[in-house]
């Protein structure tokens, strides 16, 4: 299908796409870094980062299934960002999967008591992360519909 400038629809990619994809990529690289530091953290390192001993013990004793959900959310988010950078349509379902894993992690945090133990800043981070994961899923789906992704 041709538009009025005789270009194929979906052939041109708006600059805003690249800016947003760059931000997604940076955010998801930070998420991967956070995951790696979290799984390798000790109580002492968490206290050195500003947690109380009680908070650090709660965080350090998080069950392995919670870390598995965290890993799935983080690494699928990073994969989604790379796929979006490559303009691949697979980015949409990968980001959707990542968003579901972020929501599951948020629920696990609430049920396990991590949210109440770690305080309002952690709640704020998890809320922002959830909203951004949902935006990534929506945005990648929108780019697929508009044929920016192939």
Protein backbone atom coordinates (compact mmCIF):
# COMPACT_ATOMS: atom_id res chain seq x y z
CA UNK A 1 0.00 0.00 0.00
CA UNK A 2 1.40 3.40 -1.01
CA UNK A 3 0.87 6.69 0.77
CA UNK A 4 0.79 10.13 -0.88
CA UNK A 5 4.62 10.42 -0.97
CA UNK A 6 4.83 7.18 -2.97
CA UNK A 7 6.43 5.29 -0.06
CA UNK A 8 5.29 1.94 1.22
CA UNK A 9 3.35 2.27 4.48
CA UNK A 10 5.56 1.07 7.33
CA UNK A 11 8.73 1.79 5.32
CA UNK A 12 9.57 4.93 7.26
CA UNK A 13 10.18 4.73 10.97
CA UNK A 14 9.48 7.86 13.03
CA UNK A 15 12.31 9.32 15.11
CA UNK A 16 10.14 9.00 18.20
CA UNK A 17 10.19 5.21 17.72
CA UNK A 18 13.99 5.13 18.00
CA UNK A 19 13.99 7.40 21.05
CA UNK A 20 11.39 5.27 22.83
CA UNK A 21 13.16 2.04 21.87
CA UNK A 22 16.44 3.48 23.18
CA UNK A 23 14.78 4.31 26.50
CA UNK A 24 13.24 0.82 26.68
CA UNK A 25 16.64 -0.72 26.01
CA UNK A 26 18.35 1.36 28.71
CA UNK A 27 15.58 0.58 31.22
CA UNK A 28 15.75 -3.15 30.53
CA UNK A 29 19.56 -3.21 30.74
CA UNK A 30 19.21 -1.56 34.16
CA UNK A 31 16.64 -4.23 35.05
CA UNK A 32 19.06 -6.98 34.07
CA UNK A 33 21.78 -5.34 36.15
CA UNK A 34 19.37 -5.07 39.10
CA UNK A 35 18.44 -8.74 38.72
CA UNK A 36 22.09 -9.84 38.69
CA UNK A 37 22.93 -7.75 41.75
CA UNK A 38 19.82 -9.00 43.56
CA UNK A 39 20.53 -12.69 43.09
CA UNK A 40 24.15 -12.20 44.14
CA UNK A 41 23.41 -9.89 47.09
CA UNK A 42 24.32 -10.72 50.66
CA UNK A 43 22.67 -9.31 53.76
CA UNK A 44 25.81 -7.23 54.33
CA UNK A 45 25.76 -5.78 50.80
CA UNK A 46 22.07 -4.92 51.12
CA UNK A 47 22.67 -3.15 54.44
CA UNK A 48 25.57 -1.26 52.82
CA UNK A 49 23.08 -0.09 50.15
CA UNK A 50 20.85 1.42 52.85
CA UNK A 51 18.48 -1.35 53.93
CA UNK A 52 17.94 -2.15 57.58
CA UNK A 53 19.09 -5.57 58.74
CA UNK A 54 15.46 -6.75 58.91
CA UNK A 55 14.75 -5.53 55.37
CA UNK A 56 17.95 -7.10 54.06
CA UNK A 57 17.10 -10.45 55.67
CA UNK A 58 13.58 -10.40 54.19
CA UNK A 59 14.93 -9.47 50.76
CA UNK A 60 17.73 -12.04 50.97
CA UNK A 61 15.31 -14.82 51.98
CA UNK A 62 13.04 -14.31 48.99
CA UNK A 63 12.00 -17.76 47.68
CA UNK A 64 13.68 -19.09 44.52
CA UNK A 65 10.37 -19.21 42.60
CA UNK A 66 10.11 -15.44 43.12
CA UNK A 67 13.57 -14.99 41.60
CA UNK A 68 12.51 -17.24 38.70
CA UNK A 69 9.54 -14.94 37.98
CA UNK A 70 11.84 -11.92 38.36
CA UNK A 71 14.30 -13.49 35.89
CA UNK A 72 11.58 -14.25 33.34
CA UNK A 73 10.25 -10.70 33.55
CA UNK A 74 13.66 -9.04 33.29
CA UNK A 75 15.23 -11.16 30.56
CA UNK A 76 12.07 -11.24 28.43
CA UNK A 77 11.88 -7.44 28.80
CA UNK A 78 15.46 -7.11 27.57
CA UNK A 79 14.74 -9.52 24.70
CA UNK A 80 11.63 -7.51 23.82
CA UNK A 81 13.68 -4.30 23.71
CA UNK A 82 16.27 -5.90 21.42
CA UNK A 83 13.51 -7.28 19.17
CA UNK A 84 11.90 -3.85 19.07
CA UNK A 85 15.26 -2.31 18.16
CA UNK A 86 15.46 -4.81 15.29
CA UNK A 87 11.83 -3.92 14.39
CA UNK A 88 10.69 -7.53 14.82
CA UNK A 89 6.99 -8.25 15.37
CA UNK A 90 7.90 -10.84 18.02
CA UNK A 91 8.61 -7.91 20.35
CA UNK A 92 4.87 -7.54 21.07
CA UNK A 93 4.20 -11.00 22.57
CA UNK A 94 7.58 -11.00 24.33
CA UNK A 95 6.80 -7.65 26.00
CA UNK A 96 3.33 -8.94 26.91
CA UNK A 97 4.92 -11.98 28.58
CA UNK A 98 7.35 -9.69 30.41
CA UNK A 99 4.48 -7.51 31.64
CA UNK A 100 2.63 -10.57 32.97
CA UNK A 101 5.78 -11.68 34.82
CA UNK A 102 6.21 -8.19 36.33
CA UNK A 103 2.60 -8.28 37.55
CA UNK A 104 3.12 -11.76 39.02
CA UNK A 105 6.29 -10.52 40.76
CA UNK A 106 4.35 -7.54 42.16
CA UNK A 107 1.67 -9.89 43.51
CA UNK A 108 4.31 -12.19 45.00
CA UNK A 109 5.91 -9.16 46.69
CA UNK A 110 2.56 -8.17 48.18
CA UNK A 111 1.68 -11.70 49.34
CA UNK A 112 5.13 -12.42 50.78
CA UNK A 113 5.26 -9.18 52.76
CA UNK A 114 8.18 -7.71 50.79
CA UNK A 115 6.18 -4.60 49.88
CA UNK A 116 5.32 -3.75 53.47
CA UNK A 117 8.79 -4.63 54.75
CA UNK A 118 10.72 -2.72 52.10
CA UNK A 119 8.62 0.44 52.31
CA UNK A 120 7.03 3.02 50.08
CA UNK A 121 10.05 3.57 47.83
CA UNK A 122 9.99 -0.11 46.85
CA UNK A 123 6.24 0.14 46.26
CA UNK A 124 6.89 3.15 44.04
CA UNK A 125 9.57 1.33 42.04
CA UNK A 126 7.35 -1.72 41.56
CA UNK A 127 4.38 0.44 40.54
CA UNK A 128 6.50 2.33 38.00
CA UNK A 129 8.02 -0.91 36.69
CA UNK A 130 4.57 -2.45 36.25
CA UNK A 131 3.23 0.60 34.45
CA UNK A 132 6.28 0.75 32.17
CA UNK A 133 6.04 -2.98 31.38
CA UNK A 134 2.39 -2.50 30.42
CA UNK A 135 3.35 0.51 28.28
CA UNK A 136 6.08 -1.53 26.55
CA UNK A 137 3.53 -4.25 25.73
CA UNK A 138 1.00 -1.69 24.47
CA UNK A 139 3.56 0.29 22.47
CA UNK A 140 5.07 -2.76 20.77
CA UNK A 141 1.59 -4.00 19.86
CA UNK A 142 0.76 -0.56 18.46
CA UNK A 143 3.95 -0.55 16.37
CA UNK A 144 3.03 -4.00 15.07
CA UNK A 145 -0.45 -2.81 14.08
CA UNK A 146 1.06 0.24 12.35
CA UNK A 147 3.47 -2.05 10.50
CA UNK A 148 6.60 -0.47 11.93
CA UNK A 149 7.52 -3.99 13.06
CA UNK A 150 7.92 -6.80 10.59
